[in-house]
């Protein structure tokens, strides 16, 4: 869980992550009413990016995947 501030009065985000091998043609789509923008990230892109862009626990999750 991560405490979020600055967006509103503050709330706790609970993130659920799943590891999956996918192709670009998955048929998965984000609910446009829930998100301002969505994109897929490869593991290499996440590793190369500034970790402040992501949930602070994502790095630990990826490390456990091996």
PDB file of N, CA and C in Angstrom:
ATOM      1  N   UNK A   1       0.838  -1.172   0.000  1.00  0.00           N
ATOM      2  CA  UNK A   1       0.000   0.000   0.000  1.00  0.00           C
ATOM      3  C   UNK A   1       0.887   1.240   0.000  1.00  0.00           C
ATOM      4  N   UNK A   2       0.418   2.248  -0.671  1.00  0.00           N
ATOM      5  CA  UNK A   2       1.164   3.489  -0.794  1.00  0.00           C
ATOM      6  C   UNK A   2       0.244   4.655  -0.452  1.00  0.00           C
ATOM      7  N   UNK A   3       0.702   5.515   0.423  1.00  0.00           N
ATOM      8  CA  UNK A   3      -0.061   6.714   0.786  1.00  0.00           C
ATOM      9  C   UNK A   3       0.133   7.756  -0.311  1.00  0.00           C
ATOM     10  N   UNK A   4      -0.939   8.247  -0.871  1.00  0.00           N
ATOM     11  CA  UNK A   4      -0.902   9.219  -1.957  1.00  0.00           C
ATOM     12  C   UNK A   4      -1.339  10.578  -1.434  1.00  0.00           C
ATOM     13  N   UNK A   5      -0.538  11.594  -1.700  1.00  0.00           N
ATOM     14  CA  UNK A   5      -0.887  12.962  -1.310  1.00  0.00           C
ATOM     15  C   UNK A   5      -0.636  13.872  -2.501  1.00  0.00           C
ATOM     16  N   UNK A   6      -1.239  15.037  -2.483  1.00  0.00           N
ATOM     17  CA  UNK A   6      -1.020  16.001  -3.558  1.00  0.00           C
ATOM     18  C   UNK A   6      -2.066  15.918  -4.648  1.00  0.00           C
ATOM     19  N   UNK A   7      -2.752  14.795  -4.772  1.00  0.00           N
ATOM     20  CA  UNK A   7      -3.798  14.641  -5.773  1.00  0.00           C
ATOM     21  C   UNK A   7      -5.128  15.100  -5.195  1.00  0.00           C
ATOM     22  N   UNK A   8      -5.328  14.788  -3.928  1.00  0.00           N
ATOM     23  CA  UNK A   8      -6.549  15.163  -3.215  1.00  0.00           C
ATOM     24  C   UNK A   8      -6.175  15.305  -1.741  1.00  0.00           C
ATOM     25  N   UNK A   9      -7.084  15.100  -0.847  1.00  0.00           N
ATOM     26  CA  UNK A   9      -6.789  15.228   0.583  1.00  0.00           C
ATOM     27  C   UNK A   9      -5.867  14.108   1.077  1.00  0.00           C
ATOM     28  N   UNK A  10      -5.609  13.133   0.236  1.00  0.00           N
ATOM     29  CA  UNK A  10      -4.760  11.997   0.584  1.00  0.00           C
ATOM     30  C   UNK A  10      -5.588  10.734   0.674  1.00  0.00           C
ATOM     31  N   UNK A  11      -5.030   9.654   0.180  1.00  0.00           N
ATOM     32  CA  UNK A  11      -5.694   8.364   0.245  1.00  0.00           C
ATOM     33  C   UNK A  11      -4.637   7.276   0.140  1.00  0.00           C
ATOM     34  N   UNK A  12      -5.019   6.046   0.326  1.00  0.00           N
ATOM     35  CA  UNK A  12      -4.102   4.921   0.215  1.00  0.00           C
ATOM     36  C   UNK A  12      -4.398   4.151  -1.062  1.00  0.00           C
ATOM     37  N   UNK A  13      -3.374   3.980  -1.908  1.00  0.00           N
ATOM     38  CA  UNK A  13      -3.497   3.172  -3.114  1.00  0.00           C
ATOM     39  C   UNK A  13      -3.099   1.744  -2.775  1.00  0.00           C
ATOM     40  N   UNK A  14      -3.838   0.799  -3.270  1.00  0.00           N
ATOM     41  CA  UNK A  14      -3.489  -0.615  -3.162  1.00  0.00           C
ATOM     42  C   UNK A  14      -3.263  -1.109  -4.582  1.00  0.00           C
ATOM     43  N   UNK A  15      -2.051  -1.558  -4.875  1.00  0.00           N
ATOM     44  CA  UNK A  15      -1.713  -2.008  -6.217  1.00  0.00           C
ATOM     45  C   UNK A  15      -1.676  -3.527  -6.263  1.00  0.00           C
ATOM     46  N   UNK A  16      -2.226  -4.085  -7.326  1.00  0.00           N
ATOM     47  CA  UNK A  16      -2.147  -5.515  -7.591  1.00  0.00           C
ATOM     48  C   UNK A  16      -1.436  -5.675  -8.921  1.00  0.00           C
ATOM     49  N   UNK A  17      -0.340  -6.410  -8.923  1.00  0.00           N
ATOM     50  CA  UNK A  17       0.430  -6.612 -10.151  1.00  0.00           C
ATOM     51  C   UNK A  17       0.370  -8.068 -10.549  1.00  0.00           C
ATOM     52  N   UNK A  18       0.406  -8.302 -11.858  1.00  0.00           N
ATOM     53  CA  UNK A  18       0.398  -9.647 -12.394  1.00  0.00           C
ATOM     54  C   UNK A  18       1.477  -9.732 -13.460  1.00  0.00           C
ATOM     55  N   UNK A  19       2.198 -10.820 -13.463  1.00  0.00           N
ATOM     56  CA  UNK A  19       3.199 -11.054 -14.499  1.00  0.00           C
ATOM     57  C   UNK A  19       2.554 -11.891 -15.594  1.00  0.00           C
ATOM     58  N   UNK A  20       2.713 -11.461 -16.836  1.00  0.00           N
ATOM     59  CA  UNK A  20       2.125 -12.184 -17.955  1.00  0.00           C
ATOM     60  C   UNK A  20       2.966 -11.940 -19.196  1.00  0.00           C
ATOM     61  N   UNK A  21       3.030 -12.933 -20.051  1.00  0.00           N
ATOM     62  CA  UNK A  21       3.653 -12.747 -21.355  1.00  0.00           C
ATOM     63  C   UNK A  21       2.529 -12.434 -22.331  1.00  0.00           C
ATOM     64  N   UNK A  22       2.616 -11.276 -22.971  1.00  0.00           N
ATOM     65  CA  UNK A  22       1.554 -10.837 -23.868  1.00  0.00           C
ATOM     66  C   UNK A  22       2.130 -10.411 -25.204  1.00  0.00           C
ATOM     67  N   UNK A  23       1.297 -10.473 -26.216  1.00  0.00           N
ATOM     68  CA  UNK A  23       1.642  -9.897 -27.511  1.00  0.00           C
ATOM     69  C   UNK A  23       0.916  -8.563 -27.608  1.00  0.00           C
ATOM     70  N   UNK A  24       1.214  -7.794 -28.594  1.00  0.00           N
ATOM     71  CA  UNK A  24       0.553  -6.500 -28.765  1.00  0.00           C
ATOM     72  C   UNK A  24      -0.945  -6.675 -29.049  1.00  0.00           C
ATOM     73  N   UNK A  25      -1.339  -7.814 -29.572  1.00  0.00           N
ATOM     74  CA  UNK A  25      -2.736  -8.049 -29.943  1.00  0.00           C
ATOM     75  C   UNK A  25      -3.474  -8.832 -28.853  1.00  0.00           C
ATOM     76  N   UNK A  26      -3.466  -8.300 -27.632  1.00  0.00           N
ATOM     77  CA  UNK A  26      -4.086  -9.011 -26.516  1.00  0.00           C
ATOM     78  C   UNK A  26      -5.586  -8.812 -26.441  1.00  0.00           C
ATOM     79  N   UNK A  27      -6.075  -7.724 -26.997  1.00  0.00           N
ATOM     80  CA  UNK A  27      -7.483  -7.407 -26.861  1.00  0.00           C
ATOM     81  C   UNK A  27      -7.798  -6.707 -25.548  1.00  0.00           C
ATOM     82  N   UNK A  28      -6.781  -6.490 -24.714  1.00  0.00           N
ATOM     83  CA  UNK A  28      -6.986  -5.787 -23.449  1.00  0.00           C
ATOM     84  C   UNK A  28      -7.076  -4.292 -23.711  1.00  0.00           C
ATOM     85  N   UNK A  29      -8.006  -3.651 -23.028  1.00  0.00           N
ATOM     86  CA  UNK A  29      -8.153  -2.210 -23.184  1.00  0.00           C
ATOM     87  C   UNK A  29      -8.469  -1.591 -21.830  1.00  0.00           C
ATOM     88  N   UNK A  30      -7.907  -0.433 -21.575  1.00  0.00           N
ATOM     89  CA  UNK A  30      -8.173   0.285 -20.329  1.00  0.00           C
ATOM     90  C   UNK A  30      -9.488   1.032 -20.427  1.00  0.00           C
ATOM     91  N   UNK A  31     -10.152   1.190 -19.319  1.00  0.00           N
ATOM     92  CA  UNK A  31     -11.395   1.969 -19.249  1.00  0.00           C
ATOM     93  C   UNK A  31     -11.029   3.447 -19.349  1.00  0.00           C
ATOM     94  N   UNK A  32     -11.375   4.085 -20.448  1.00  0.00           N
ATOM     95  CA  UNK A  32     -11.003   5.482 -20.677  1.00  0.00           C
ATOM     96  C   UNK A  32     -11.614   6.429 -19.650  1.00  0.00           C
ATOM     97  N   UNK A  33     -12.648   6.014 -18.956  1.00  0.00           N
ATOM     98  CA  UNK A  33     -13.245   6.824 -17.912  1.00  0.00           C
ATOM     99  C   UNK A  33     -12.451   6.795 -16.617  1.00  0.00           C
ATOM    100  N   UNK A  34     -11.536   5.845 -16.496  1.00  0.00           N
ATOM    101  CA  UNK A  34     -10.736   5.681 -15.280  1.00  0.00           C
ATOM    102  C   UNK A  34      -9.343   6.300 -15.384  1.00  0.00           C
ATOM    103  N   UNK A  35      -8.836   6.468 -16.592  1.00  0.00           N
ATOM    104  CA  UNK A  35      -7.446   6.876 -16.774  1.00  0.00           C
ATOM    105  C   UNK A  35      -7.323   8.035 -17.757  1.00  0.00           C
ATOM    106  N   UNK A  36      -6.392   8.939 -17.496  1.00  0.00           N
ATOM    107  CA  UNK A  36      -6.100  10.027 -18.424  1.00  0.00           C
ATOM    108  C   UNK A  36      -5.276   9.513 -19.602  1.00  0.00           C
ATOM    109  N   UNK A  37      -4.412   8.519 -19.344  1.00  0.00           N
ATOM    110  CA  UNK A  37      -3.583   7.923 -20.385  1.00  0.00           C
ATOM    111  C   UNK A  37      -3.122   6.544 -19.922  1.00  0.00           C
ATOM    112  N   UNK A  38      -2.897   5.657 -20.869  1.00  0.00           N
ATOM    113  CA  UNK A  38      -2.447   4.301 -20.569  1.00  0.00           C
ATOM    114  C   UNK A  38      -1.420   3.911 -21.610  1.00  0.00           C
ATOM    115  N   UNK A  39      -0.413   3.175 -21.184  1.00  0.00           N
ATOM    116  CA  UNK A  39       0.543   2.604 -22.133  1.00  0.00           C
ATOM    117  C   UNK A  39       1.131   1.345 -21.537  1.00  0.00           C
ATOM    118  N   UNK A  40       1.643   0.474 -22.370  1.00  0.00           N
ATOM    119  CA  UNK A  40       2.331  -0.730 -21.930  1.00  0.00           C
ATOM    120  C   UNK A  40       3.816  -0.424 -21.810  1.00  0.00           C
ATOM    121  N   UNK A  41       4.462  -0.974 -20.787  1.00  0.00           N
ATOM    122  CA  UNK A  41       5.896  -0.815 -20.581  1.00  0.00           C
ATOM    123  C   UNK A  41       6.541  -2.192 -20.633  1.00  0.00           C
ATOM    124  N   UNK A  42       7.678  -2.282 -21.330  1.00  0.00           N
ATOM    125  CA  UNK A  42       8.465  -3.511 -21.242  1.00  0.00           C
ATOM    126  C   UNK A  42       9.282  -3.453 -19.952  1.00  0.00           C
ATOM    127  N   UNK A  43       9.762  -4.587 -19.528  1.00  0.00           N
ATOM    128  CA  UNK A  43      10.592  -4.607 -18.320  1.00  0.00           C
ATOM    129  C   UNK A  43      11.839  -3.746 -18.509  1.00  0.00           C
ATOM    130  N   UNK A  44      12.427  -3.791 -19.700  1.00  0.00           N
ATOM    131  CA  UNK A  44      13.623  -2.989 -19.978  1.00  0.00           C
ATOM    132  C   UNK A  44      13.310  -1.498 -19.889  1.00  0.00           C
ATOM    133  N   UNK A  45      12.149  -1.083 -20.363  1.00  0.00           N
ATOM    134  CA  UNK A  45      11.765   0.333 -20.283  1.00  0.00           C
ATOM    135  C   UNK A  45      11.573   0.773 -18.833  1.00  0.00           C
ATOM    136  N   UNK A  46      10.969  -0.089 -18.022  1.00  0.00           N
ATOM    137  CA  UNK A  46      10.777   0.236 -16.606  1.00  0.00           C
ATOM    138  C   UNK A  46      12.123   0.359 -15.909  1.00  0.00           C
ATOM    139  N   UNK A  47      13.003  -0.578 -16.169  1.00  0.00           N
ATOM    140  CA  UNK A  47      14.326  -0.577 -15.535  1.00  0.00           C
ATOM    141  C   UNK A  47      15.129   0.664 -15.918  1.00  0.00           C
ATOM    142  N   UNK A  48      14.995   1.121 -17.162  1.00  0.00           N
ATOM    143  CA  UNK A  48      15.756   2.272 -17.645  1.00  0.00           C
ATOM    144  C   UNK A  48      15.150   3.611 -17.223  1.00  0.00           C
ATOM    145  N   UNK A  49      13.901   3.611 -16.824  1.00  0.00           N
ATOM    146  CA  UNK A  49      13.208   4.864 -16.500  1.00  0.00           C
ATOM    147  C   UNK A  49      13.498   5.320 -15.071  1.00  0.00           C
ATOM    148  N   UNK A  50      13.199   6.564 -14.817  1.00  0.00           N
ATOM    149  CA  UNK A  50      13.318   7.132 -13.472  1.00  0.00           C
ATOM    150  C   UNK A  50      12.340   6.395 -12.553  1.00  0.00           C
ATOM    151  N   UNK A  51      12.818   5.758 -11.485  1.00  0.00           N
ATOM    152  CA  UNK A  51      11.922   4.980 -10.611  1.00  0.00           C
ATOM    153  C   UNK A  51      10.847   5.823  -9.936  1.00  0.00           C
ATOM    154  N   UNK A  52      11.025   7.127  -9.889  1.00  0.00           N
ATOM    155  CA  UNK A  52      10.006   7.991  -9.286  1.00  0.00           C
ATOM    156  C   UNK A  52       8.730   8.051 -10.122  1.00  0.00           C
ATOM    157  N   UNK A  53       8.789   7.541 -11.353  1.00  0.00           N
ATOM    158  CA  UNK A  53       7.601   7.521 -12.214  1.00  0.00           C
ATOM    159  C   UNK A  53       6.617   6.426 -11.817  1.00  0.00           C
ATOM    160  N   UNK A  54       7.072   5.484 -10.981  1.00  0.00           N
ATOM    161  CA  UNK A  54       6.281   4.298 -10.691  1.00  0.00           C
ATOM    162  C   UNK A  54       5.970   4.185  -9.200  1.00  0.00           C
ATOM    163  N   UNK A  55       5.071   3.279  -8.893  1.00  0.00           N
ATOM    164  CA  UNK A  55       4.785   2.947  -7.505  1.00  0.00           C
ATOM    165  C   UNK A  55       6.108   2.597  -6.830  1.00  0.00           C
ATOM    166  N   UNK A  56       6.346   3.071  -5.616  1.00  0.00           N
ATOM    167  CA  UNK A  56       7.639   2.826  -4.968  1.00  0.00           C
ATOM    168  C   UNK A  56       7.945   1.352  -4.700  1.00  0.00           C
ATOM    169  N   UNK A  57       6.961   0.476  -4.792  1.00  0.00           N
ATOM    170  CA  UNK A  57       7.191  -0.941  -4.527  1.00  0.00           C
ATOM    171  C   UNK A  57       7.373  -1.768  -5.803  1.00  0.00           C
ATOM    172  N   UNK A  58       7.254  -1.156  -6.978  1.00  0.00           N
ATOM    173  CA  UNK A  58       7.357  -1.891  -8.232  1.00  0.00           C
ATOM    174  C   UNK A  58       8.729  -2.520  -8.411  1.00  0.00           C
ATOM    175  N   UNK A  59       9.793  -1.816  -8.069  1.00  0.00           N
ATOM    176  CA  UNK A  59      11.144  -2.371  -8.202  1.00  0.00           C
ATOM    177  C   UNK A  59      11.317  -3.645  -7.404  1.00  0.00           C
ATOM    178  N   UNK A  60      10.780  -3.681  -6.207  1.00  0.00           N
ATOM    179  CA  UNK A  60      10.872  -4.884  -5.361  1.00  0.00           C
ATOM    180  C   UNK A  60      10.099  -6.029  -6.004  1.00  0.00           C
ATOM    181  N   UNK A  61       8.938  -5.734  -6.566  1.00  0.00           N
ATOM    182  CA  UNK A  61       8.145  -6.747  -7.261  1.00  0.00           C
ATOM    183  C   UNK A  61       8.924  -7.324  -8.434  1.00  0.00           C
ATOM    184  N   UNK A  62       9.520  -6.468  -9.262  1.00  0.00           N
ATOM    185  CA  UNK A  62      10.278  -6.948 -10.419  1.00  0.00           C
ATOM    186  C   UNK A  62      11.485  -7.764  -9.992  1.00  0.00           C
ATOM    187  N   UNK A  63      12.134  -7.369  -8.898  1.00  0.00           N
ATOM    188  CA  UNK A  63      13.293  -8.128  -8.410  1.00  0.00           C
ATOM    189  C   UNK A  63      12.885  -9.539  -8.007  1.00  0.00           C
ATOM    190  N   UNK A  64      11.710  -9.690  -7.447  1.00  0.00           N
ATOM    191  CA  UNK A  64      11.234 -11.016  -7.030  1.00  0.00           C
ATOM    192  C   UNK A  64      10.888 -11.901  -8.228  1.00  0.00           C
ATOM    193  N   UNK A  65      10.553 -11.284  -9.366  1.00  0.00           N
ATOM    194  CA  UNK A  65      10.264 -12.067 -10.556  1.00  0.00           C
ATOM    195  C   UNK A  65      11.519 -12.720 -11.105  1.00  0.00           C
ATOM    196  N   UNK A  66      12.657 -12.103 -10.823  1.00  0.00           N
ATOM    197  CA  UNK A  66      13.932 -12.664 -11.277  1.00  0.00           C
ATOM    198  C   UNK A  66      14.394 -12.182 -12.585  1.00  0.00           C
TER     199      UNK A  66
END
